[in-house]
Protein backbone atom coordinates (compact mmCIF):
# COMPACT_ATOMS: atom_id res chain seq x y z
CA MET A 1 88.52 109.94 50.73
CA THR A 2 89.25 106.26 50.90
CA SER A 3 87.44 103.40 52.50
CA ALA A 4 88.53 101.85 55.46
CA GLU A 5 87.49 98.36 54.63
CA GLU A 6 90.22 97.59 52.26
CA GLU A 7 89.63 93.66 52.31
CA GLY A 8 86.61 93.89 50.97
CA PRO A 9 82.69 94.54 51.70
CA ARG A 10 81.20 93.60 54.73
CA ALA A 11 78.00 94.44 56.31
CA LEU A 12 77.26 96.76 59.03
CA PHE A 13 77.24 94.78 62.84
CA ALA A 14 78.38 91.89 60.72
CA GLY A 15 80.55 90.54 63.83
CA ALA A 16 77.72 90.95 66.75
CA SER A 17 76.81 87.62 68.26
CA HIS A 18 73.37 87.82 68.32
CA ARG A 19 71.94 87.40 65.34
CA TRP A 20 69.10 90.09 65.46
CA VAL A 21 72.07 93.14 65.81
CA ARG A 22 73.26 91.88 62.73
CA MET A 23 69.93 92.24 60.52
CA LEU A 24 69.42 95.53 61.89
CA PRO A 25 71.23 97.62 59.90
CA TRP A 26 69.09 95.84 56.76
CA GLY A 27 66.20 96.06 58.16
CA VAL A 28 67.04 99.95 58.53
CA ALA A 29 67.45 100.27 55.45
CA PHE A 30 65.16 98.53 53.78
CA VAL A 31 62.25 100.63 55.85
CA LEU A 32 63.83 103.80 54.64
CA CYS A 33 64.26 102.81 51.51
CA VAL A 34 60.74 101.68 50.80
CA ALA A 35 59.56 104.71 52.84
CA LEU A 36 61.34 107.30 51.35
CA LEU A 37 61.06 106.12 47.62
CA PRO A 38 57.27 106.60 46.80
CA THR A 39 57.59 109.79 49.61
CA THR A 40 60.03 111.16 48.00
CA ILE A 41 58.03 111.54 44.68
CA VAL A 42 54.81 112.77 46.29
CA VAL A 43 56.72 115.36 47.64
CA LEU A 44 58.78 116.64 44.69
CA THR A 45 55.84 116.45 42.56
CA ALA A 46 53.03 117.96 44.36
CA ASP A 47 54.76 120.11 47.14
CA TYR A 48 57.59 121.17 44.80
CA GLY A 49 56.16 120.99 41.42
CA LEU A 50 58.31 119.15 39.63
CA ASN A 51 58.31 116.88 36.42
CA GLY A 52 56.59 113.70 37.66
CA GLY A 53 59.66 111.15 35.29
CA VAL A 54 62.70 113.63 37.16
CA ALA A 55 61.28 113.28 40.33
CA ALA A 56 61.54 109.53 40.29
CA ALA A 57 64.38 109.82 38.88
CA LEU A 58 66.30 111.78 41.74
CA ALA A 59 63.58 109.83 44.38
CA VAL A 60 65.66 106.48 42.96
CA ALA A 61 68.94 107.79 43.42
CA GLN A 62 68.37 109.10 46.68
CA ALA A 63 66.60 106.35 48.33
CA ALA A 64 67.59 102.99 46.90
CA PRO A 65 71.29 103.36 47.56
CA LEU A 66 70.32 103.49 51.24
CA LEU A 67 70.42 99.61 50.92
CA LEU A 68 74.22 99.51 49.49
CA ALA A 69 75.08 101.81 52.65
CA VAL A 70 74.90 98.73 54.87
CA VAL A 71 77.96 97.09 53.22
CA ARG A 72 79.87 100.24 51.29
CA PRO A 73 78.43 103.26 52.93
CA LEU A 74 80.86 105.59 51.13
CA LEU A 75 80.39 104.01 47.51
CA ALA A 76 76.63 105.43 48.81
CA TRP A 77 77.20 108.46 50.03
CA TYR A 78 79.01 109.18 46.26
CA VAL A 79 75.45 108.48 44.59
CA VAL A 80 72.99 110.33 47.15
CA PHE A 81 75.29 113.51 47.69
CA ALA A 82 75.37 113.59 43.55
CA ALA A 83 71.56 112.94 43.52
CA ASP A 84 70.64 115.56 46.37
CA VAL A 85 72.88 118.20 44.74
CA ALA A 86 71.26 117.46 41.11
CA GLY A 87 67.48 117.58 42.81
CA ALA A 88 68.73 121.22 44.19
CA LEU A 89 69.68 122.30 41.04
CA ALA A 90 66.44 120.89 39.13
CA LEU A 91 64.10 122.21 41.62
CA LEU A 92 65.76 126.11 40.19
CA ALA A 93 63.70 125.51 37.43
CA VAL A 94 60.30 124.94 39.05
CA GLY A 95 58.14 127.88 41.14
CA PHE A 96 58.07 126.34 44.73
CA PRO A 97 56.80 128.28 47.32
CA GLU A 98 59.12 129.96 49.88
CA ARG A 99 57.83 128.46 52.72
CA LEU A 100 59.40 124.87 51.26
CA LEU A 101 63.12 123.96 52.31
CA TRP A 102 65.84 124.57 50.07
CA PRO A 103 68.05 123.17 48.21
CA PHE A 104 67.47 119.74 49.96
CA PRO A 105 63.67 118.92 50.89
CA PRO A 106 62.62 117.19 54.21
CA THR A 107 62.55 113.67 52.49
CA GLY A 108 66.48 114.14 50.91
CA ILE A 109 67.96 115.06 54.65
CA VAL A 110 66.04 112.39 56.22
CA GLY A 111 68.08 109.72 54.47
CA TYR A 112 70.87 111.63 53.93
CA VAL A 113 71.56 111.56 57.97
CA GLY A 114 70.56 107.68 57.80
CA LEU A 115 73.75 107.34 55.11
CA CYS A 116 75.86 109.35 57.33
CA LEU A 117 75.28 107.74 60.52
CA ALA A 118 76.13 104.64 58.44
CA LEU A 119 79.31 106.07 57.38
CA GLY A 120 80.44 107.19 61.03
CA LEU A 121 80.03 103.85 62.21
CA ARG A 122 82.27 102.48 59.02
CA GLU A 123 84.97 105.09 58.26
CA ARG A 124 87.99 106.68 60.57
CA ARG A 125 87.48 109.65 61.37
CA ARG A 126 89.67 111.56 58.66
CA THR A 127 87.16 110.46 55.80
CA LEU A 128 84.23 111.39 58.11
CA VAL A 129 85.75 115.42 58.48
CA LEU A 130 86.02 115.87 54.66
CA VAL A 131 82.41 113.71 53.92
CA TRP A 132 80.94 116.91 56.43
CA LEU A 133 83.34 119.55 54.69
CA ALA A 134 81.80 118.73 51.08
CA THR A 135 78.22 118.74 52.56
CA ALA A 136 78.86 122.07 53.84
CA GLY A 137 81.10 123.29 50.99
CA ALA A 138 77.91 122.04 48.82
CA ASN A 139 74.85 123.77 50.95
CA VAL A 140 77.05 126.97 51.24
CA ALA A 141 77.85 127.26 47.20
CA LEU A 142 74.10 126.05 46.54
CA GLY A 143 72.79 129.14 49.05
CA PHE A 144 73.97 131.68 46.45
CA ALA A 145 71.83 130.42 43.89
CA ALA A 146 68.54 130.64 46.42
CA PRO A 147 65.64 131.54 45.13
CA HIS A 148 64.19 132.77 47.82
CA GLY A 149 66.79 133.89 50.11
CA PHE A 150 69.18 131.68 52.40
CA GLY A 151 69.14 131.66 56.22
CA ALA A 152 69.99 129.12 59.19
CA ARG A 153 67.41 126.76 58.08
CA GLU A 154 68.27 126.19 54.96
CA LEU A 155 71.94 124.85 56.47
CA LEU A 156 69.76 121.42 58.27
CA LEU A 157 71.58 119.15 56.12
CA THR A 158 74.76 120.35 57.10
CA ILE A 159 74.10 120.48 61.00
CA LEU A 160 72.27 117.22 60.97
CA GLY A 161 74.53 115.39 58.75
CA GLY A 162 77.14 116.47 60.94
CA VAL A 163 75.92 114.89 63.88
CA ALA A 164 74.90 111.71 62.87
CA LEU A 165 78.66 111.91 61.19
CA LEU A 166 79.74 112.47 64.95
CA LEU A 167 77.36 110.04 66.61
CA GLY A 168 78.06 107.40 64.09
CA GLY A 169 82.17 107.88 64.93
CA VAL A 170 81.65 108.08 68.66
CA LEU A 171 79.98 104.64 68.71
CA ARG A 172 82.42 103.26 66.16
CA GLU A 173 85.29 104.08 68.30
CA ARG A 174 84.11 103.02 71.22
CA SER A 175 82.87 99.73 69.92
CA GLU A 176 86.70 99.64 68.37
CA ALA A 177 88.10 100.70 72.36
CA GLN A 178 85.77 97.68 73.69
CA ARG A 179 87.29 95.39 71.34
CA ARG A 180 90.81 95.84 71.54
CA LEU A 181 90.22 96.03 75.57
CA ALA A 182 88.90 92.71 75.23
CA GLU A 183 91.84 91.44 72.99
CA GLN A 184 94.58 92.87 75.95
CA GLU A 185 92.19 91.11 78.32
CA THR A 186 92.80 87.96 76.38
CA ILE A 187 96.29 88.28 75.84
CA SER A 188 97.03 89.39 79.50
CA GLU A 189 95.31 85.99 81.03
CA ALA A 190 97.14 83.77 78.54
CA GLU A 191 100.08 85.95 79.39
CA ARG A 192 99.17 85.65 83.48
CA GLY A 193 98.97 81.75 83.16
CA ARG A 194 102.37 81.53 81.27
CA ARG A 195 103.73 83.82 84.08
CA THR A 196 102.24 81.48 86.50
CA LEU A 197 103.78 78.37 84.89
CA LEU A 198 107.39 79.48 84.48
CA GLU A 199 107.68 80.77 88.02
CA GLU A 200 106.27 77.65 89.32
CA ARG A 201 108.97 75.61 87.28
CA ALA A 202 111.59 77.89 88.71
CA ARG A 203 110.25 77.27 92.44
CA ILE A 204 110.41 73.33 91.50
CA ALA A 205 114.35 73.94 90.09
CA ARG A 206 115.08 76.01 92.86
CA GLU A 207 113.64 73.14 95.91
CA LEU A 208 115.55 70.34 93.35
CA HIS A 209 118.99 72.24 93.34
CA ASP A 210 119.59 70.68 97.26
CA VAL A 211 118.38 67.42 96.32
CA VAL A 212 120.91 67.11 93.47
CA ALA A 213 123.59 69.37 95.25
CA HIS A 214 123.38 67.01 98.26
CA HIS A 215 123.99 63.60 96.06
CA MET A 216 127.34 65.62 94.37
CA SER A 217 128.32 66.47 97.74
CA VAL A 218 128.37 63.02 98.58
CA ILE A 219 129.76 61.89 94.98
CA THR A 220 132.71 64.77 95.91
CA VAL A 221 133.91 63.01 99.70
CA GLN A 222 133.29 59.61 98.39
CA ALA A 223 135.82 60.01 95.19
CA ASN A 224 138.09 62.01 97.69
CA THR A 225 138.60 59.66 100.61
CA ALA A 226 138.46 56.77 97.96
CA GLU A 227 142.45 56.53 98.55
CA TYR A 228 142.04 56.96 102.75
CA ARG A 229 139.16 54.05 102.96
CA LEU A 230 140.51 51.47 99.79
CA GLU A 231 143.91 49.47 100.27
CA ARG A 232 146.41 49.64 97.87
CA LEU A 233 144.64 51.45 95.04
CA PRO A 234 146.60 51.04 91.68
CA PRO A 235 147.89 54.51 90.88
CA ASP A 236 145.24 54.73 88.19
CA VAL A 237 142.61 54.12 89.98
CA ARG A 238 143.82 57.05 92.45
CA GLU A 239 143.87 59.41 89.26
CA GLU A 240 140.80 58.61 88.19
CA PHE A 241 138.84 58.87 91.66
CA THR A 242 140.48 62.34 91.72
CA SER A 243 139.05 63.07 88.23
CA ILE A 244 135.95 62.30 89.43
CA ALA A 245 136.15 64.28 92.54
CA GLY A 246 137.33 67.14 90.84
CA THR A 247 134.17 67.29 87.70
CA ALA A 248 132.30 67.05 90.63
CA ARG A 249 133.40 70.14 92.46
CA GLU A 250 132.74 72.22 89.25
CA SER A 251 129.50 70.60 88.59
CA LEU A 252 128.69 71.84 92.20
CA GLY A 253 130.36 75.42 91.43
CA GLU A 254 127.91 75.50 87.97
CA MET A 255 124.93 74.81 90.20
CA ARG A 256 125.35 76.99 92.77
CA ARG A 257 125.65 79.61 89.80
CA LEU A 258 122.70 77.91 88.17
CA LEU A 259 120.93 79.08 91.43
CA GLY A 260 121.78 82.61 91.50
CA VAL A 261 119.75 82.69 88.13
CA LEU A 262 117.27 80.93 89.59
CA ARG A 263 117.18 82.71 92.94
CA ASN A 264 115.76 86.23 93.88
CA GLU A 265 115.25 88.80 97.04
CA GLU A 266 112.23 86.62 97.62
CA THR A 267 113.67 83.27 98.32
CA HIS A 268 115.74 83.53 101.16
CA GLY A 269 113.76 81.29 103.11
CA GLU A 270 114.39 78.21 100.66
CA LEU A 271 117.60 77.83 102.08
CA VAL A 272 116.67 75.09 104.24
CA PRO A 273 116.50 71.59 103.86
CA GLN A 274 113.71 70.62 101.60
CA PRO A 275 111.15 68.11 103.15
CA GLY A 276 109.86 64.62 101.79
CA LEU A 277 107.21 61.91 103.22
CA ALA A 278 109.02 61.90 106.98
CA GLN A 279 107.08 65.65 107.08
CA ILE A 280 103.90 64.94 106.03
CA GLY A 281 102.58 64.16 109.20
CA GLN A 282 103.57 66.75 111.26
CA LEU A 283 102.14 69.35 108.13
CA VAL A 284 99.08 67.41 108.87
CA GLU A 285 99.15 67.85 112.17
CA ALA A 286 100.27 71.74 112.14
CA THR A 287 97.01 71.94 109.41
CA ALA A 288 94.59 69.87 111.98
CA ARG A 289 95.77 72.28 115.28
CA ALA A 290 95.23 75.65 112.93
CA ARG A 291 91.62 74.64 111.86
CA GLY A 292 91.09 70.73 111.48
CA PRO A 293 89.83 67.87 111.60
CA VAL A 294 92.14 66.63 109.40
CA GLU A 295 92.70 62.71 109.15
CA PHE A 296 95.84 61.42 108.27
CA THR A 297 96.79 57.50 107.18
CA PRO A 298 100.38 57.16 106.68
CA CYS A 299 102.02 54.31 104.81
CA ASP A 300 105.17 52.45 105.54
CA ILE A 301 107.47 52.04 102.71
CA ASP A 302 110.60 49.57 102.76
CA ALA A 303 112.27 50.81 99.32
CA GLU A 304 114.17 54.08 99.48
CA VAL A 305 111.85 56.77 98.08
CA PRO A 306 113.80 59.07 95.54
CA GLU A 307 114.02 62.82 97.42
CA THR A 308 112.15 64.39 94.30
CA VAL A 309 109.25 61.95 94.86
CA GLY A 310 109.38 62.39 98.75
CA LEU A 311 109.50 66.12 98.01
CA SER A 312 107.03 65.96 95.46
CA ALA A 313 104.27 64.37 97.06
CA TYR A 314 104.78 66.50 100.92
CA ARG A 315 104.13 69.54 97.82
CA ILE A 316 101.26 68.08 97.01
CA VAL A 317 100.16 67.62 100.21
CA GLN A 318 100.64 70.95 101.21
CA GLU A 319 99.02 72.80 98.50
CA ALA A 320 96.07 70.60 98.79
CA LEU A 321 95.81 71.65 102.34
CA ALA A 322 96.31 74.95 101.38
CA ASN A 323 93.42 74.86 99.17
CA VAL A 324 90.86 73.60 101.23
CA VAL A 325 91.32 76.10 104.15
CA ARG A 326 91.59 78.94 101.41
CA HIS A 327 88.27 77.56 100.07
CA ALA A 328 86.76 74.76 101.77
CA PRO A 329 87.86 76.13 105.45
CA GLY A 330 86.56 74.05 108.58
CA ALA A 331 85.79 71.10 106.29
CA HIS A 332 86.93 67.08 107.01
CA THR A 333 89.62 66.69 105.29
CA ARG A 334 91.33 63.07 104.67
CA VAL A 335 94.82 62.71 104.01
CA SER A 336 96.38 59.13 102.91
CA LEU A 337 99.84 57.39 101.90
CA SER A 338 99.64 54.24 100.04
CA VAL A 339 101.79 52.03 98.22
CA ALA A 340 100.40 49.72 95.24
CA GLU A 341 102.02 46.74 94.37
CA PRO A 342 104.26 47.17 90.82
CA ASP A 343 102.00 45.53 88.36
CA GLN A 344 103.59 43.90 85.01
CA GLY A 345 106.37 46.03 83.14
CA GLY A 346 105.80 48.55 85.73
CA GLY A 347 106.95 49.73 89.07
CA ALA A 348 105.84 50.50 92.59
CA LEU A 349 103.68 53.32 92.40
CA LEU A 350 103.47 56.17 95.29
CA THR A 351 99.34 57.08 95.78
CA VAL A 352 99.18 60.64 97.66
CA LEU A 353 95.42 61.14 98.54
CA VAL A 354 93.39 64.09 99.88
CA VAL A 355 89.61 64.33 99.90
CA ASN A 356 87.81 66.92 101.76
CA GLY A 357 83.95 67.71 102.55
CA PRO A 358 82.19 70.30 101.66
CA PRO A 359 82.33 73.72 103.94
CA PRO A 360 80.41 73.90 107.02
CA ALA A 361 77.79 76.17 106.87
CA PRO A 362 78.21 79.28 107.70
CA PRO A 363 81.84 79.38 106.21
CA ALA A 364 84.52 80.04 108.59
CA ALA A 365 87.16 82.76 107.76
CA PRO A 366 90.06 81.38 105.53
CA LEU A 367 92.96 80.69 107.92
CA GLU A 368 95.62 81.86 104.74
CA ALA A 369 94.93 84.52 102.59
CA SER A 370 97.51 82.87 99.58
CA GLY A 371 99.21 79.59 98.96
CA THR A 372 102.54 78.32 98.77
CA GLY A 373 102.97 77.57 95.02
CA HIS A 374 100.27 78.15 92.01
CA GLY A 375 97.97 75.35 92.96
CA LEU A 376 97.09 73.09 90.07
CA VAL A 377 99.60 74.37 88.22
CA GLY A 378 102.19 73.12 90.28
CA MET A 379 101.06 70.25 91.58
CA ARG A 380 100.97 69.14 87.21
CA GLU A 381 104.28 70.15 87.11
CA ARG A 382 105.67 68.23 90.26
CA VAL A 383 103.74 65.05 88.80
CA ARG A 384 104.92 65.68 85.65
CA LEU A 385 108.88 66.07 86.58
CA VAL A 386 108.65 62.48 88.34
CA GLY A 387 106.70 60.92 85.89
CA GLY A 388 103.50 60.72 87.71
CA THR A 389 99.88 61.00 87.00
CA LEU A 390 97.02 63.54 88.47
CA ASP A 391 93.57 63.61 89.06
CA VAL A 392 91.43 66.53 90.37
CA GLY A 393 88.14 67.25 90.28
CA PRO A 394 85.10 68.38 92.59
CA LEU A 395 82.92 65.56 94.18
CA PRO A 396 78.87 65.17 93.97
CA ASP A 397 78.39 66.13 97.80
CA GLY A 398 80.22 69.68 97.26
CA GLY A 399 83.97 68.54 98.16
CA PHE A 400 87.18 68.03 96.32
CA ARG A 401 89.67 65.33 95.56
CA VAL A 402 93.50 65.36 94.84
CA ALA A 403 95.22 62.16 93.93
CA ALA A 404 98.55 61.97 92.35
CA ARG A 405 100.31 58.35 92.01
CA LEU A 406 104.11 58.60 91.91
CA PRO A 407 105.99 55.71 90.71
CA LEU A 408 108.62 55.63 93.57
CA ILE A 409 111.47 54.39 90.80
CA GLU A 410 112.97 58.05 89.21
CA LYS A 411 111.91 58.10 85.32
CA ASP A 412 112.10 60.59 82.42
CA PRO A 413 109.11 62.32 82.12
CA THR A 414 107.29 62.36 78.93
């Protein structure tokens, strides 16, 4: 028999969250030890007629190890089992009445059953089976020396011990199953979050492909037509433009293959041109017609807005409005775009602000069952992509605020 705890002694229920649960095994073991120690001495001497010194030694050997059972139940079982067998043999030397239990007195059965429960809560199934077989074997072997005959009641220790071992084992396996389930749920939640992030990044990459492909197409056309648009080009310059056009065409081919890896059977609708700042007003109007009310404050931008910034701004507004429809249907919403003047050492920032109030009572039914992306995960990825900042959070009145600041000059995100 080998213990299930190879890393060192650890008390029963030591991992419980409540202190009273951790102390429960110690309390039960202490009560059993204090109650059984004097009771065993009295029963063995007064009822069975055993010598007082021998009775005291057996009582200590049978009751004191119950405290050890909280930490080392298998080691305690070796001591108690040996003491119980020794006590049964010692009782053969005295003449006790036939009405009394033998080979194991009632006090010994109570302590042994408590010990078996501790064993079931700690040890593996194989160890529990071996413990029960040893108990049954000793019980039957002693029965051949029974002074007053051997019947069903003499097997009481084997029966009750087996029930306690079974009960403890079931409770232990159920606790382990719950612990493994909790661990799997934690792992699954982390994997779901990771998958959501990867899916959103792939979605953004598919959208940005169209933006980059447009620029590469322009480079290809300009390089191919340079010799027709520009007069008297030197041969080496003409060859350079031809090389640039060839490289651009190869890059477009590689990007198409990359897009084939990123796309799947569910992305057929993403072949349309990607939206930008100019389409935000249409998006707000469509949302207002469907649910309303939504206020929109546009801004005039003199400088050319990078396509990635415009696409990110559109998607942020789209996801924010979708969240309003799902979580606060009918709430008054305000969408605004503004440009902050460049600060010292920095560039101009496009501020995208979506603020909604609390939903009316009673809340209306949601317009959408699912969003366009993955909520805040997608917003953060888009803002990080262009090197901006994102500030989201609830408002004191029960509403919600989404504020994104996107640089109008593209920079490498950190």
